N, C-alpha and C. Protein backbone atom coordinates (compact mmCIF):
# COMPACT_ATOMS: atom_id res chain seq x y z
N MET A 1 43.38 -146.94 -106.98
CA MET A 1 43.95 -145.81 -107.21
C MET A 1 43.89 -145.24 -108.36
N VAL A 2 43.80 -144.00 -108.77
CA VAL A 2 43.68 -143.69 -110.16
C VAL A 2 45.04 -143.70 -110.70
N PRO A 3 45.40 -144.29 -111.86
CA PRO A 3 46.55 -144.34 -112.47
C PRO A 3 47.04 -142.81 -112.60
N VAL A 4 48.52 -142.66 -112.43
CA VAL A 4 49.24 -141.23 -112.65
C VAL A 4 48.88 -140.80 -113.97
N SER A 5 48.88 -141.57 -115.26
CA SER A 5 48.53 -140.93 -116.57
C SER A 5 47.17 -140.29 -116.24
N TYR A 6 46.51 -140.67 -115.69
CA TYR A 6 45.06 -140.12 -115.82
C TYR A 6 44.94 -138.71 -115.08
N TRP A 7 45.91 -138.47 -113.81
CA TRP A 7 46.15 -137.45 -113.08
C TRP A 7 46.88 -136.42 -114.15
N ARG A 8 47.94 -136.72 -114.52
CA ARG A 8 48.30 -136.10 -115.64
C ARG A 8 47.47 -135.17 -116.47
N VAL A 9 46.48 -136.18 -117.16
CA VAL A 9 45.63 -135.41 -118.27
C VAL A 9 44.64 -134.46 -117.27
N ILE A 10 44.13 -134.72 -116.38
CA ILE A 10 43.26 -134.14 -115.56
C ILE A 10 43.75 -132.84 -115.50
N LEU A 11 45.02 -132.86 -114.67
CA LEU A 11 45.73 -131.51 -114.46
C LEU A 11 45.80 -130.68 -115.70
N GLU A 12 46.33 -131.33 -116.90
CA GLU A 12 46.42 -130.53 -118.01
C GLU A 12 45.27 -129.79 -118.54
N LYS A 13 44.24 -130.62 -118.20
CA LYS A 13 42.59 -129.88 -119.00
C LYS A 13 42.42 -129.05 -117.81
N LEU A 14 42.54 -129.24 -116.71
CA LEU A 14 42.21 -128.09 -115.71
C LEU A 14 42.96 -126.70 -116.12
N ASP A 15 44.21 -127.16 -116.30
CA ASP A 15 45.23 -126.13 -116.67
C ASP A 15 44.79 -125.36 -117.83
N GLU A 16 44.36 -125.65 -118.66
CA GLU A 16 43.82 -125.45 -119.99
C GLU A 16 42.58 -124.67 -120.13
N TYR A 17 41.64 -124.83 -119.29
CA TYR A 17 40.52 -124.24 -119.01
C TYR A 17 40.22 -123.22 -117.99
N PHE A 18 41.25 -123.63 -116.82
CA PHE A 18 40.89 -122.68 -115.79
C PHE A 18 42.08 -121.84 -115.38
N LYS A 19 43.41 -122.30 -115.87
CA LYS A 19 44.64 -121.70 -115.75
C LYS A 19 44.99 -121.55 -114.21
N VAL A 20 44.69 -122.83 -113.50
CA VAL A 20 44.98 -122.87 -112.08
C VAL A 20 46.62 -123.70 -111.89
N PRO A 21 46.92 -123.46 -110.72
CA PRO A 21 48.20 -124.20 -110.87
C PRO A 21 48.44 -125.35 -110.57
N LYS A 22 49.15 -126.27 -111.10
CA LYS A 22 49.18 -127.54 -110.98
C LYS A 22 49.73 -128.16 -109.51
N GLY A 23 49.13 -129.19 -109.12
CA GLY A 23 49.81 -129.63 -107.95
C GLY A 23 48.98 -130.92 -107.16
N ILE A 24 49.21 -131.49 -106.55
CA ILE A 24 48.84 -132.78 -106.10
C ILE A 24 49.20 -132.74 -104.71
N ALA A 25 48.13 -132.98 -103.70
CA ALA A 25 48.18 -133.26 -102.25
C ALA A 25 48.17 -134.58 -102.12
N ILE A 26 49.10 -135.47 -101.27
CA ILE A 26 49.00 -136.88 -101.06
C ILE A 26 48.50 -137.11 -99.65
N GLU A 27 47.36 -137.62 -99.66
CA GLU A 27 46.90 -138.14 -98.06
C GLU A 27 46.65 -139.81 -98.03
N ALA A 28 47.41 -140.42 -97.33
CA ALA A 28 47.23 -141.68 -97.66
C ALA A 28 47.77 -142.44 -96.15
N ASN A 29 47.31 -143.76 -96.05
CA ASN A 29 48.06 -144.64 -95.05
C ASN A 29 48.97 -145.14 -95.24
N PRO A 30 49.99 -145.02 -94.27
CA PRO A 30 51.33 -145.35 -94.97
C PRO A 30 51.29 -146.65 -95.66
N GLU A 31 50.65 -147.51 -95.46
CA GLU A 31 50.77 -148.86 -96.54
C GLU A 31 50.26 -148.80 -97.85
N ASP A 32 49.33 -147.60 -97.85
CA ASP A 32 48.95 -147.40 -99.16
C ASP A 32 50.22 -146.88 -100.19
N LEU A 33 50.98 -146.19 -99.44
CA LEU A 33 52.13 -145.86 -100.29
C LEU A 33 53.48 -146.82 -100.43
N ALA A 34 53.27 -147.98 -100.06
CA ALA A 34 54.40 -148.68 -100.10
C ALA A 34 55.31 -149.06 -101.23
N ASP A 35 54.67 -148.57 -102.43
CA ASP A 35 55.10 -148.38 -103.85
C ASP A 35 55.70 -147.23 -103.64
N GLU A 36 57.03 -146.77 -103.50
CA GLU A 36 57.73 -145.30 -103.04
C GLU A 36 57.80 -144.98 -104.83
N ALA A 37 57.87 -145.59 -105.81
CA ALA A 37 58.21 -145.33 -107.26
C ALA A 37 56.70 -144.57 -107.72
N ARG A 38 55.71 -145.04 -107.14
CA ARG A 38 54.38 -144.39 -107.51
C ARG A 38 54.10 -143.00 -106.88
N VAL A 39 54.81 -142.84 -105.60
CA VAL A 39 54.70 -141.43 -104.96
C VAL A 39 55.68 -140.53 -105.77
N TYR A 40 56.40 -140.98 -106.16
CA TYR A 40 57.54 -140.00 -107.01
C TYR A 40 56.84 -139.70 -108.85
N ASP A 41 56.23 -140.83 -109.17
CA ASP A 41 55.51 -140.60 -110.21
C ASP A 41 54.36 -139.65 -110.10
N LEU A 42 53.87 -139.66 -109.08
CA LEU A 42 52.49 -138.63 -108.81
C LEU A 42 52.99 -137.35 -108.57
N ALA A 43 54.07 -137.07 -107.99
CA ALA A 43 54.86 -135.82 -107.66
C ALA A 43 55.36 -135.33 -108.99
N GLU A 44 55.72 -136.24 -109.87
CA GLU A 44 56.38 -135.57 -111.34
C GLU A 44 54.92 -135.23 -112.06
N ALA A 45 54.08 -135.99 -111.67
CA ALA A 45 52.79 -135.47 -112.81
C ALA A 45 52.47 -134.08 -112.52
N ALA A 46 52.57 -133.52 -111.20
CA ALA A 46 52.03 -132.49 -110.84
C ALA A 46 53.32 -131.36 -110.91
């Protein structure tokens, strides 16, 4: 999985050049999201 810090940078750069709304949609198998803190970190990054 891509680290949350990378997503934050990617979303900031997209916003800088394209002025698109930030957001992340999470689609995964339940066992992929066993680390609940990671889910909250992804939501916070967007």
